[in-house]
Amino acid sequence: MTIYHATDSTFKKDLRSEGVTLVNFWASWCGPCRMFAPILEAYASDNKSDVKVLKVNVDENVETAAQFGIMSIPATVLFKNGKPVAKEVGILSKDGLKKWVAKYL
């Protein structure tokens, strides 16, 4: 599955109203964010259609980051039917990410 890049103006439209959406908050200067990016890409490519994956650059999309209380990055928020249900801060392994998301499918 493709990773979509959401902005403040597209976030609500990009978020799935039904089903599960994983949103990764990141910044280009963030070392752990760069380490987590290939893990997220591998997860998205393995996950065909169950979960939509969005990335939000916190430097360019301050409103969306503030709306969800993002204070540390990388932060990943899981949404179910358009509502946030879980949040993880830091790097997750691919298996850890799969297990975390599976709890909410």
PDB file of N, CA and C in Angstrom:
ATOM      1  N   MET A   1       0.840  -1.178   0.000  1.00  0.00           N
ATOM      2  CA  MET A   1       0.000   0.000   0.000  1.00  0.00           C
ATOM      3  C   MET A   1       0.882   1.238   0.000  1.00  0.00           C
ATOM      4  N   THR A   2       0.395   2.257  -0.589  1.00  0.00           N
ATOM      5  CA  THR A   2       1.105   3.523  -0.680  1.00  0.00           C
ATOM      6  C   THR A   2       1.048   4.272   0.645  1.00  0.00           C
ATOM      7  N   ILE A   3       2.115   5.009   0.936  1.00  0.00           N
ATOM      8  CA  ILE A   3       2.106   5.929   2.067  1.00  0.00           C
ATOM      9  C   ILE A   3       1.713   7.292   1.511  1.00  0.00           C
ATOM     10  N   TYR A   4       0.700   7.890   2.112  1.00  0.00           N
ATOM     11  CA  TYR A   4       0.208   9.194   1.681  1.00  0.00           C
ATOM     12  C   TYR A   4       0.795  10.278   2.574  1.00  0.00           C
ATOM     13  N   HIS A   5       1.118  11.411   1.984  1.00  0.00           N
ATOM     14  CA  HIS A   5       1.637  12.551   2.742  1.00  0.00           C
ATOM     15  C   HIS A   5       0.508  13.545   2.926  1.00  0.00           C
ATOM     16  N   ALA A   6       0.066  13.680   4.169  1.00  0.00           N
ATOM     17  CA  ALA A   6      -1.053  14.563   4.488  1.00  0.00           C
ATOM     18  C   ALA A   6      -0.539  15.926   4.925  1.00  0.00           C
ATOM     19  N   THR A   7      -1.353  16.935   4.704  1.00  0.00           N
ATOM     20  CA  THR A   7      -1.054  18.301   5.133  1.00  0.00           C
ATOM     21  C   THR A   7      -2.188  18.795   6.024  1.00  0.00           C
ATOM     22  N   ASP A   8      -2.003  19.970   6.618  1.00  0.00           N
ATOM     23  CA  ASP A   8      -3.071  20.544   7.438  1.00  0.00           C
ATOM     24  C   ASP A   8      -4.368  20.646   6.641  1.00  0.00           C
ATOM     25  N   SER A   9      -4.258  21.018   5.371  1.00  0.00           N
ATOM     26  CA  SER A   9      -5.463  21.218   4.559  1.00  0.00           C
ATOM     27  C   SER A   9      -6.076  19.915   4.041  1.00  0.00           C
ATOM     28  N   THR A  10      -5.293  18.826   3.973  1.00  0.00           N
ATOM     29  CA  THR A  10      -5.830  17.562   3.433  1.00  0.00           C
ATOM     30  C   THR A  10      -6.069  16.490   4.489  1.00  0.00           C
ATOM     31  N   PHE A  11      -5.653  16.737   5.732  1.00  0.00           N
ATOM     32  CA  PHE A  11      -5.666  15.685   6.738  1.00  0.00           C
ATOM     33  C   PHE A  11      -7.044  15.059   6.926  1.00  0.00           C
ATOM     34  N   LYS A  12      -8.068  15.873   7.110  1.00  0.00           N
ATOM     35  CA  LYS A  12      -9.411  15.327   7.349  1.00  0.00           C
ATOM     36  C   LYS A  12      -9.896  14.495   6.171  1.00  0.00           C
ATOM     37  N   LYS A  13      -9.575  14.930   4.959  1.00  0.00           N
ATOM     38  CA  LYS A  13      -9.979  14.191   3.766  1.00  0.00           C
ATOM     39  C   LYS A  13      -9.167  12.896   3.636  1.00  0.00           C
ATOM     40  N   ASP A  14      -7.888  12.937   3.996  1.00  0.00           N
ATOM     41  CA  ASP A  14      -7.013  11.774   3.872  1.00  0.00           C
ATOM     42  C   ASP A  14      -7.300  10.692   4.915  1.00  0.00           C
ATOM     43  N   LEU A  15      -7.808  11.090   6.060  1.00  0.00           N
ATOM     44  CA  LEU A  15      -8.111  10.159   7.137  1.00  0.00           C
ATOM     45  C   LEU A  15      -9.330   9.317   6.748  1.00  0.00           C
ATOM     46  N   ARG A  16      -9.217   8.015   6.906  1.00  0.00           N
ATOM     47  CA  ARG A  16     -10.343   7.124   6.586  1.00  0.00           C
ATOM     48  C   ARG A  16     -11.476   7.348   7.578  1.00  0.00           C
ATOM     49  N   SER A  17     -12.684   7.519   7.067  1.00  0.00           N
ATOM     50  CA  SER A  17     -13.833   7.660   7.964  1.00  0.00           C
ATOM     51  C   SER A  17     -14.271   6.291   8.476  1.00  0.00           C
ATOM     52  N   GLU A  18     -13.966   5.231   7.715  1.00  0.00           N
ATOM     53  CA  GLU A  18     -14.239   3.865   8.150  1.00  0.00           C
ATOM     54  C   GLU A  18     -12.949   3.067   8.059  1.00  0.00           C
ATOM     55  N   GLY A  19     -12.733   2.196   9.020  1.00  0.00           N
ATOM     56  CA  GLY A  19     -11.521   1.392   9.014  1.00  0.00           C
ATOM     57  C   GLY A  19     -10.415   2.044   9.814  1.00  0.00           C
ATOM     58  N   VAL A  20      -9.199   1.547   9.586  1.00  0.00           N
ATOM     59  CA  VAL A  20      -8.047   1.958  10.390  1.00  0.00           C
ATOM     60  C   VAL A  20      -7.066   2.772   9.548  1.00  0.00           C
ATOM     61  N   THR A  21      -6.598   3.881  10.127  1.00  0.00           N
ATOM     62  CA  THR A  21      -5.575   4.722   9.507  1.00  0.00           C
ATOM     63  C   THR A  21      -4.437   4.896  10.503  1.00  0.00           C
ATOM     64  N   LEU A  22      -3.219   4.661  10.043  1.00  0.00           N
ATOM     65  CA  LEU A  22      -2.023   4.851  10.852  1.00  0.00           C
ATOM     66  C   LEU A  22      -1.388   6.160  10.400  1.00  0.00           C
ATOM     67  N   VAL A  23      -1.159   7.078  11.334  1.00  0.00           N
ATOM     68  CA  VAL A  23      -0.586   8.379  10.999  1.00  0.00           C
ATOM     69  C   VAL A  23       0.750   8.533  11.718  1.00  0.00           C
ATOM     70  N   ASN A  24       1.810   8.721  10.933  1.00  0.00           N
ATOM     71  CA  ASN A  24       3.151   8.909  11.474  1.00  0.00           C
ATOM     72  C   ASN A  24       3.507  10.387  11.404  1.00  0.00           C
ATOM     73  N   PHE A  25       3.815  10.978  12.554  1.00  0.00           N
ATOM     74  CA  PHE A  25       4.258  12.369  12.641  1.00  0.00           C
ATOM     75  C   PHE A  25       5.780  12.371  12.684  1.00  0.00           C
ATOM     76  N   TRP A  26       6.414  13.169  11.823  1.00  0.00           N
ATOM     77  CA  TRP A  26       7.854  13.117  11.646  1.00  0.00           C
ATOM     78  C   TRP A  26       8.385  14.495  11.232  1.00  0.00           C
ATOM     79  N   ALA A  27       9.709  14.606  11.126  1.00  0.00           N
ATOM     80  CA  ALA A  27      10.380  15.798  10.587  1.00  0.00           C
ATOM     81  C   ALA A  27      11.665  15.344   9.897  1.00  0.00           C
ATOM     82  N   SER A  28      12.081  16.090   8.895  1.00  0.00           N
ATOM     83  CA  SER A  28      13.257  15.706   8.107  1.00  0.00           C
ATOM     84  C   SER A  28      14.558  15.730   8.919  1.00  0.00           C
ATOM     85  N   TRP A  29      14.646  16.558   9.950  1.00  0.00           N
ATOM     86  CA  TRP A  29      15.861  16.688  10.757  1.00  0.00           C
ATOM     87  C   TRP A  29      15.948  15.633  11.861  1.00  0.00           C
ATOM     88  N   CYS A  30      14.891  14.833  12.027  1.00  0.00           N
ATOM     89  CA  CYS A  30      14.783  13.883  13.136  1.00  0.00           C
ATOM     90  C   CYS A  30      15.441  12.548  12.773  1.00  0.00           C
ATOM     91  N   GLY A  31      16.555  12.224  13.437  1.00  0.00           N
ATOM     92  CA  GLY A  31      17.265  10.973  13.175  1.00  0.00           C
ATOM     93  C   GLY A  31      16.409   9.735  13.398  1.00  0.00           C
ATOM     94  N   PRO A  32      15.729   9.617  14.554  1.00  0.00           N
ATOM     95  CA  PRO A  32      14.868   8.455  14.765  1.00  0.00           C
ATOM     96  C   PRO A  32      13.741   8.362  13.718  1.00  0.00           C
ATOM     97  N   CYS A  33      13.260   9.502  13.244  1.00  0.00           N
ATOM     98  CA  CYS A  33      12.227   9.497  12.195  1.00  0.00           C
ATOM     99  C   CYS A  33      12.782   8.871  10.920  1.00  0.00           C
ATOM    100  N   ARG A  34      14.021   9.222  10.592  1.00  0.00           N
ATOM    101  CA  ARG A  34      14.652   8.651   9.391  1.00  0.00           C
ATOM    102  C   ARG A  34      14.897   7.158   9.569  1.00  0.00           C
ATOM    103  N   MET A  35      15.180   6.723  10.791  1.00  0.00           N
ATOM    104  CA  MET A  35      15.371   5.298  11.060  1.00  0.00           C
ATOM    105  C   MET A  35      14.046   4.534  10.962  1.00  0.00           C
ATOM    106  N   PHE A  36      12.957   5.176  11.353  1.00  0.00           N
ATOM    107  CA  PHE A  36      11.646   4.535  11.350  1.00  0.00           C
ATOM    108  C   PHE A  36      11.022   4.496   9.946  1.00  0.00           C
ATOM    109  N   ALA A  37      11.423   5.406   9.074  1.00  0.00           N
ATOM    110  CA  ALA A  37      10.827   5.502   7.729  1.00  0.00           C
ATOM    111  C   ALA A  37      10.870   4.189   6.950  1.00  0.00           C
ATOM    112  N   PRO A  38      12.011   3.488   6.853  1.00  0.00           N
ATOM    113  CA  PRO A  38      12.015   2.229   6.099  1.00  0.00           C
ATOM    114  C   PRO A  38      11.161   1.132   6.747  1.00  0.00           C
ATOM    115  N   ILE A  39      11.033   1.172   8.072  1.00  0.00           N
ATOM    116  CA  ILE A  39      10.176   0.207   8.767  1.00  0.00           C
ATOM    117  C   ILE A  39       8.722   0.462   8.391  1.00  0.00           C
ATOM    118  N   LEU A  40       8.350   1.738   8.382  1.00  0.00           N
ATOM    119  CA  LEU A  40       6.994   2.122   8.002  1.00  0.00           C
ATOM    120  C   LEU A  40       6.708   1.764   6.544  1.00  0.00           C
ATOM    121  N   GLU A  41       7.691   1.996   5.676  1.00  0.00           N
ATOM    122  CA  GLU A  41       7.534   1.651   4.258  1.00  0.00           C
ATOM    123  C   GLU A  41       7.365   0.146   4.082  1.00  0.00           C
ATOM    124  N   ALA A  42       8.144  -0.661   4.798  1.00  0.00           N
ATOM    125  CA  ALA A  42       8.027  -2.123   4.721  1.00  0.00           C
ATOM    126  C   ALA A  42       6.662  -2.574   5.239  1.00  0.00           C
ATOM    127  N   TYR A  43       6.214  -1.961   6.324  1.00  0.00           N
ATOM    128  CA  TYR A  43       4.888  -2.288   6.862  1.00  0.00           C
ATOM    129  C   TYR A  43       3.805  -1.964   5.834  1.00  0.00           C
ATOM    130  N   ALA A  44       3.887  -0.792   5.226  1.00  0.00           N
ATOM    131  CA  ALA A  44       2.880  -0.370   4.249  1.00  0.00           C
ATOM    132  C   ALA A  44       2.869  -1.283   3.029  1.00  0.00           C
ATOM    133  N   SER A  45       4.047  -1.733   2.589  1.00  0.00           N
ATOM    134  CA  SER A  45       4.090  -2.590   1.400  1.00  0.00           C
ATOM    135  C   SER A  45       3.565  -3.989   1.705  1.00  0.00           C
ATOM    136  N   ASP A  46       3.718  -4.470   2.931  1.00  0.00           N
ATOM    137  CA  ASP A  46       3.186  -5.773   3.335  1.00  0.00           C
ATOM    138  C   ASP A  46       1.682  -5.731   3.554  1.00  0.00           C
ATOM    139  N   ASN A  47       1.210  -4.575   3.969  1.00  0.00           N
ATOM    140  CA  ASN A  47      -0.180  -4.405   4.354  1.00  0.00           C
ATOM    141  C   ASN A  47      -0.966  -3.893   3.152  1.00  0.00           C
ATOM    142  N   LYS A  48      -1.653  -4.765   2.462  1.00  0.00           N
ATOM    143  CA  LYS A  48      -2.255  -4.406   1.170  1.00  0.00           C
ATOM    144  C   LYS A  48      -3.376  -3.382   1.271  1.00  0.00           C
ATOM    145  N   SER A  49      -4.383  -3.605   2.107  1.00  0.00           N
ATOM    146  CA  SER A  49      -5.474  -2.636   2.135  1.00  0.00           C
ATOM    147  C   SER A  49      -6.147  -2.504   3.496  1.00  0.00           C
ATOM    148  N   ASP A  50      -5.684  -3.241   4.497  1.00  0.00           N
ATOM    149  CA  ASP A  50      -6.335  -3.192   5.804  1.00  0.00           C
ATOM    150  C   ASP A  50      -6.181  -1.829   6.484  1.00  0.00           C
ATOM    151  N   VAL A  51      -5.014  -1.237   6.337  1.00  0.00           N
ATOM    152  CA  VAL A  51      -4.688  -0.008   7.054  1.00  0.00           C
ATOM    153  C   VAL A  51      -4.146   1.024   6.076  1.00  0.00           C
ATOM    154  N   LYS A  52      -4.715   2.224   6.111  1.00  0.00           N
ATOM    155  CA  LYS A  52      -4.185   3.328   5.306  1.00  0.00           C
ATOM    156  C   LYS A  52      -3.063   3.973   6.125  1.00  0.00           C
ATOM    157  N   VAL A  53      -1.943   4.302   5.467  1.00  0.00           N
ATOM    158  CA  VAL A  53      -0.794   4.887   6.162  1.00  0.00           C
ATOM    159  C   VAL A  53      -0.584   6.319   5.672  1.00  0.00           C
ATOM    160  N   LEU A  54      -0.568   7.250   6.629  1.00  0.00           N
ATOM    161  CA  LEU A  54      -0.319   8.664   6.335  1.00  0.00           C
ATOM    162  C   LEU A  54       0.935   9.116   7.063  1.00  0.00           C
ATOM    163  N   LYS A  55       1.646  10.070   6.460  1.00  0.00           N
ATOM    164  CA  LYS A  55       2.768  10.724   7.125  1.00  0.00           C
ATOM    165  C   LYS A  55       2.455  12.210   7.188  1.00  0.00           C
ATOM    166  N   VAL A  56       2.774  12.820   8.318  1.00  0.00           N
ATOM    167  CA  VAL A  56       2.553  14.250   8.512  1.00  0.00           C
ATOM    168  C   VAL A  56       3.860  14.869   9.000  1.00  0.00           C
ATOM    169  N   ASN A  57       4.410  15.780   8.216  1.00  0.00           N
ATOM    170  CA  ASN A  57       5.622  16.508   8.595  1.00  0.00           C
ATOM    171  C   ASN A  57       5.223  17.587   9.602  1.00  0.00           C
ATOM    172  N   VAL A  58       5.723  17.478  10.827  1.00  0.00           N
ATOM    173  CA  VAL A  58       5.305  18.394  11.895  1.00  0.00           C
ATOM    174  C   VAL A  58       5.785  19.828  11.682  1.00  0.00           C
ATOM    175  N   ASP A  59       6.888  20.003  10.960  1.00  0.00           N
ATOM    176  CA  ASP A  59       7.380  21.358  10.694  1.00  0.00           C
ATOM    177  C   ASP A  59       6.493  22.089   9.689  1.00  0.00           C
ATOM    178  N   GLU A  60       5.946  21.358   8.750  1.00  0.00           N
ATOM    179  CA  GLU A  60       5.125  21.957   7.694  1.00  0.00           C
ATOM    180  C   GLU A  60       3.635  21.940   8.024  1.00  0.00           C
ATOM    181  N   ASN A  61       3.236  21.165   9.019  1.00  0.00           N
ATOM    182  CA  ASN A  61       1.816  20.988   9.345  1.00  0.00           C
ATOM    183  C   ASN A  61       1.601  21.094  10.848  1.00  0.00           C
ATOM    184  N   VAL A  62       1.872  22.274  11.350  1.00  0.00           N
ATOM    185  CA  VAL A  62       1.852  22.532  12.788  1.00  0.00           C
ATOM    186  C   VAL A  62       0.455  22.346  13.386  1.00  0.00           C
ATOM    187  N   GLU A  63      -0.582  22.749  12.654  1.00  0.00           N
ATOM    188  CA  GLU A  63      -1.948  22.661  13.184  1.00  0.00           C
ATOM    189  C   GLU A  63      -2.345  21.211  13.477  1.00  0.00           C
ATOM    190  N   THR A  64      -2.066  20.321  12.555  1.00  0.00           N
ATOM    191  CA  THR A  64      -2.439  18.920  12.741  1.00  0.00           C
ATOM    192  C   THR A  64      -1.643  18.305  13.884  1.00  0.00           C
ATOM    193  N   ALA A  65      -0.357  18.600  13.948  1.00  0.00           N
ATOM    194  CA  ALA A  65       0.472  18.076  15.041  1.00  0.00           C
ATOM    195  C   ALA A  65      -0.038  18.579  16.397  1.00  0.00           C
ATOM    196  N   ALA A  66      -0.384  19.854  16.477  1.00  0.00           N
ATOM    197  CA  ALA A  66      -0.893  20.424  17.724  1.00  0.00           C
ATOM    198  C   ALA A  66      -2.248  19.826  18.097  1.00  0.00           C
ATOM    199  N   GLN A  67      -3.080  19.582  17.112  1.00  0.00           N
ATOM    200  CA  GLN A  67      -4.410  19.025  17.350  1.00  0.00           C
ATOM    201  C   GLN A  67      -4.341  17.681  18.076  1.00  0.00           C
ATOM    202  N   PHE A  68      -3.293  16.904  17.798  1.00  0.00           N
ATOM    203  CA  PHE A  68      -3.164  15.585  18.408  1.00  0.00           C
ATOM    204  C   PHE A  68      -2.100  15.542  19.498  1.00  0.00           C
ATOM    205  N   GLY A  69      -1.655  16.713  19.959  1.00  0.00           N
ATOM    206  CA  GLY A  69      -0.737  16.792  21.089  1.00  0.00           C
ATOM    207  C   GLY A  69       0.618  16.162  20.845  1.00  0.00           C
ATOM    208  N   ILE A  70       1.132  16.291  19.632  1.00  0.00           N
ATOM    209  CA  ILE A  70       2.431  15.701  19.303  1.00  0.00           C
ATOM    210  C   ILE A  70       3.534  16.567  19.911  1.00  0.00           C
ATOM    211  N   MET A  71       4.233  16.010  20.894  1.00  0.00           N
ATOM    212  CA  MET A  71       5.302  16.733  21.584  1.00  0.00           C
ATOM    213  C   MET A  71       6.674  16.133  21.289  1.00  0.00           C
ATOM    214  N   SER A  72       6.716  14.863  20.923  1.00  0.00           N
ATOM    215  CA  SER A  72       7.957  14.162  20.587  1.00  0.00           C
ATOM    216  C   SER A  72       7.727  13.373  19.314  1.00  0.00           C
ATOM    217  N   ILE A  73       8.774  13.283  18.508  1.00  0.00           N
ATOM    218  CA  ILE A  73       8.673  12.518  17.260  1.00  0.00           C
ATOM    219  C   ILE A  73       9.818  11.521  17.177  1.00  0.00           C
ATOM    220  N   PRO A  74       9.662  10.439  16.443  1.00  0.00           N
ATOM    221  CA  PRO A  74       8.469  10.080  15.696  1.00  0.00           C
ATOM    222  C   PRO A  74       7.336   9.679  16.647  1.00  0.00           C
ATOM    223  N   ALA A  75       6.132  10.069  16.268  1.00  0.00           N
ATOM    224  CA  ALA A  75       4.933   9.672  16.997  1.00  0.00           C
ATOM    225  C   ALA A  75       3.978   9.062  15.981  1.00  0.00           C
ATOM    226  N   THR A  76       3.333   7.995  16.381  1.00  0.00           N
ATOM    227  CA  THR A  76       2.413   7.313  15.492  1.00  0.00           C
ATOM    228  C   THR A  76       1.069   7.213  16.199  1.00  0.00           C
ATOM    229  N   VAL A  77       0.041   7.705  15.528  1.00  0.00           N
ATOM    230  CA  VAL A  77      -1.304   7.684  16.082  1.00  0.00           C
ATOM    231  C   VAL A  77      -2.159   6.773  15.213  1.00  0.00           C
ATOM    232  N   LEU A  78      -2.899   5.900  15.864  1.00  0.00           N
ATOM    233  CA  LEU A  78      -3.779   4.984  15.156  1.00  0.00           C
ATOM    234  C   LEU A  78      -5.217   5.483  15.282  1.00  0.00           C
ATOM    235  N   PHE A  79      -5.875   5.583  14.140  1.00  0.00           N
ATOM    236  CA  PHE A  79      -7.257   6.042  14.093  1.00  0.00           C
ATOM    237  C   PHE A  79      -8.142   4.888  13.657  1.00  0.00           C
ATOM    238  N   LYS A  80      -9.298   4.782  14.282  1.00  0.00           N
ATOM    239  CA  LYS A  80     -10.294   3.800  13.851  1.00  0.00           C
ATOM    240  C   LYS A  80     -11.589   4.565  13.607  1.00  0.00           C
ATOM    241  N   ASN A  81     -12.094   4.423  12.388  1.00  0.00           N
ATOM    242  CA  ASN A  81     -13.304   5.131  11.978  1.00  0.00           C
ATOM    243  C   ASN A  81     -13.191   6.642  12.218  1.00  0.00           C
ATOM    244  N   GLY A  82     -11.995   7.178  11.933  1.00  0.00           N
ATOM    245  CA  GLY A  82     -11.768   8.621  12.025  1.00  0.00           C
ATOM    246  C   GLY A  82     -11.459   9.155  13.405  1.00  0.00           C
ATOM    247  N   LYS A  83     -11.409   8.298  14.419  1.00  0.00           N
ATOM    248  CA  LYS A  83     -11.151   8.731  15.796  1.00  0.00           C
ATOM    249  C   LYS A  83      -9.836   8.131  16.298  1.00  0.00           C
ATOM    250  N   PRO A  84      -9.003   8.932  16.997  1.00  0.00           N
ATOM    251  CA  PRO A  84      -7.751   8.380  17.526  1.00  0.00           C
ATOM    252  C   PRO A  84      -8.031   7.360  18.623  1.00  0.00           C
ATOM    253  N   VAL A  85      -7.365   6.191  18.527  1.00  0.00           N
ATOM    254  CA  VAL A  85      -7.571   5.131  19.514  1.00  0.00           C
ATOM    255  C   VAL A  85      -6.293   4.730  20.243  1.00  0.00           C
ATOM    256  N   ALA A  86      -5.125   5.058  19.681  1.00  0.00           N
ATOM    257  CA  ALA A  86      -3.861   4.677  20.318  1.00  0.00           C
ATOM    258  C   ALA A  86      -2.740   5.563  19.797  1.00  0.00           C
ATOM    259  N   LYS A  87      -1.699   5.702  20.621  1.00  0.00           N
ATOM    260  CA  LYS A  87      -0.547   6.534  20.242  1.00  0.00           C
ATOM    261  C   LYS A  87       0.726   5.878  20.766  1.00  0.00           C
ATOM    262  N   GLU A  88       1.748   5.856  19.924  1.00  0.00           N
ATOM    263  CA  GLU A  88       3.072   5.354  20.303  1.00  0.00           C
ATOM    264  C   GLU A  88       4.100   6.424  19.943  1.00  0.00           C
ATOM    265  N   VAL A  89       5.044   6.656  20.828  1.00  0.00           N
ATOM    266  CA  VAL A  89       6.121   7.599  20.561  1.00  0.00           C
ATOM    267  C   VAL A  89       7.416   6.807  20.465  1.00  0.00           C
ATOM    268  N   GLY A  90       8.193   7.091  19.417  1.00  0.00           N
ATOM    269  CA  GLY A  90       9.462   6.400  19.226  1.00  0.00           C
ATOM    270  C   GLY A  90       9.384   5.412  18.076  1.00  0.00           C
ATOM    271  N   ILE A  91      10.456   4.649  17.947  1.00  0.00           N
ATOM    272  CA  ILE A  91      10.574   3.690  16.846  1.00  0.00           C
ATOM    273  C   ILE A  91       9.984   2.349  17.280  1.00  0.00           C
ATOM    274  N   LEU A  92       9.193   1.776  16.411  1.00  0.00           N
ATOM    275  CA  LEU A  92       8.692   0.423  16.609  1.00  0.00           C
ATOM    276  C   LEU A  92       9.339  -0.478  15.573  1.00  0.00           C
ATOM    277  N   SER A  93       9.566  -1.732  15.918  1.00  0.00           N
ATOM    278  CA  SER A  93      10.026  -2.691  14.911  1.00  0.00           C
ATOM    279  C   SER A  93       8.841  -2.988  13.997  1.00  0.00           C
ATOM    280  N   LYS A  94       9.114  -3.597  12.850  1.00  0.00           N
ATOM    281  CA  LYS A  94       8.028  -3.946  11.938  1.00  0.00           C
ATOM    282  C   LYS A  94       7.049  -4.911  12.615  1.00  0.00           C
ATOM    283  N   ASP A  95       7.579  -5.911  13.319  1.00  0.00           N
ATOM    284  CA  ASP A  95       6.712  -6.852  14.030  1.00  0.00           C
ATOM    285  C   ASP A  95       5.947  -6.157  15.157  1.00  0.00           C
ATOM    286  N   GLY A  96       6.624  -5.269  15.863  1.00  0.00           N
ATOM    287  CA  GLY A  96       5.972  -4.509  16.928  1.00  0.00           C
ATOM    288  C   GLY A  96       4.849  -3.645  16.386  1.00  0.00           C
ATOM    289  N   LEU A  97       5.085  -3.034  15.240  1.00  0.00           N
ATOM    290  CA  LEU A  97       4.081  -2.201  14.589  1.00  0.00           C
ATOM    291  C   LEU A  97       2.881  -3.055  14.179  1.00  0.00           C
ATOM    292  N   LYS A  98       3.154  -4.223  13.594  1.00  0.00           N
ATOM    293  CA  LYS A  98       2.072  -5.138  13.180  1.00  0.00           C
ATOM    294  C   LYS A  98       1.225  -5.562  14.379  1.00  0.00           C
ATOM    295  N   LYS A  99       1.877  -5.934  15.477  1.00  0.00           N
ATOM    296  CA  LYS A  99       1.155  -6.379  16.669  1.00  0.00           C
ATOM    297  C   LYS A  99       0.330  -5.248  17.275  1.00  0.00           C
ATOM    298  N   TRP A 100       0.911  -4.052  17.310  1.00  0.00           N
ATOM    299  CA  TRP A 100       0.219  -2.884  17.871  1.00  0.00           C
ATOM    300  C   TRP A 100      -1.034  -2.583  17.058  1.00  0.00           C
ATOM    301  N   VAL A 101      -0.908  -2.545  15.735  1.00  0.00           N
ATOM    302  CA  VAL A 101      -2.042  -2.244  14.859  1.00  0.00           C
ATOM    303  C   VAL A 101      -3.090  -3.353  14.929  1.00  0.00           C
ATOM    304  N   ALA A 102      -2.644  -4.607  14.989  1.00  0.00           N
ATOM    305  CA  ALA A 102      -3.565  -5.751  14.987  1.00  0.00           C
ATOM    306  C   ALA A 102      -4.564  -5.704  16.152  1.00  0.00           C
ATOM    307  N   LYS A 103      -4.184  -5.083  17.257  1.00  0.00           N
ATOM    308  CA  LYS A 103      -5.083  -4.963  18.408  1.00  0.00           C
ATOM    309  C   LYS A 103      -6.342  -4.176  18.061  1.00  0.00           C
ATOM    310  N   TYR A 104      -6.262  -3.335  17.039  1.00  0.00           N
ATOM    311  CA  TYR A 104      -7.356  -2.410  16.725  1.00  0.00           C
ATOM    312  C   TYR A 104      -8.074  -2.749  15.412  1.00  0.00           C
ATOM    313  N   LEU A 105      -7.664  -3.828  14.757  1.00  0.00           N
ATOM    314  CA  LEU A 105      -8.326  -4.212  13.498  1.00  0.00           C
ATOM    315  C   LEU A 105      -9.637  -4.916  13.774  1.00  0.00           C
TER     316      LEU A 105
END
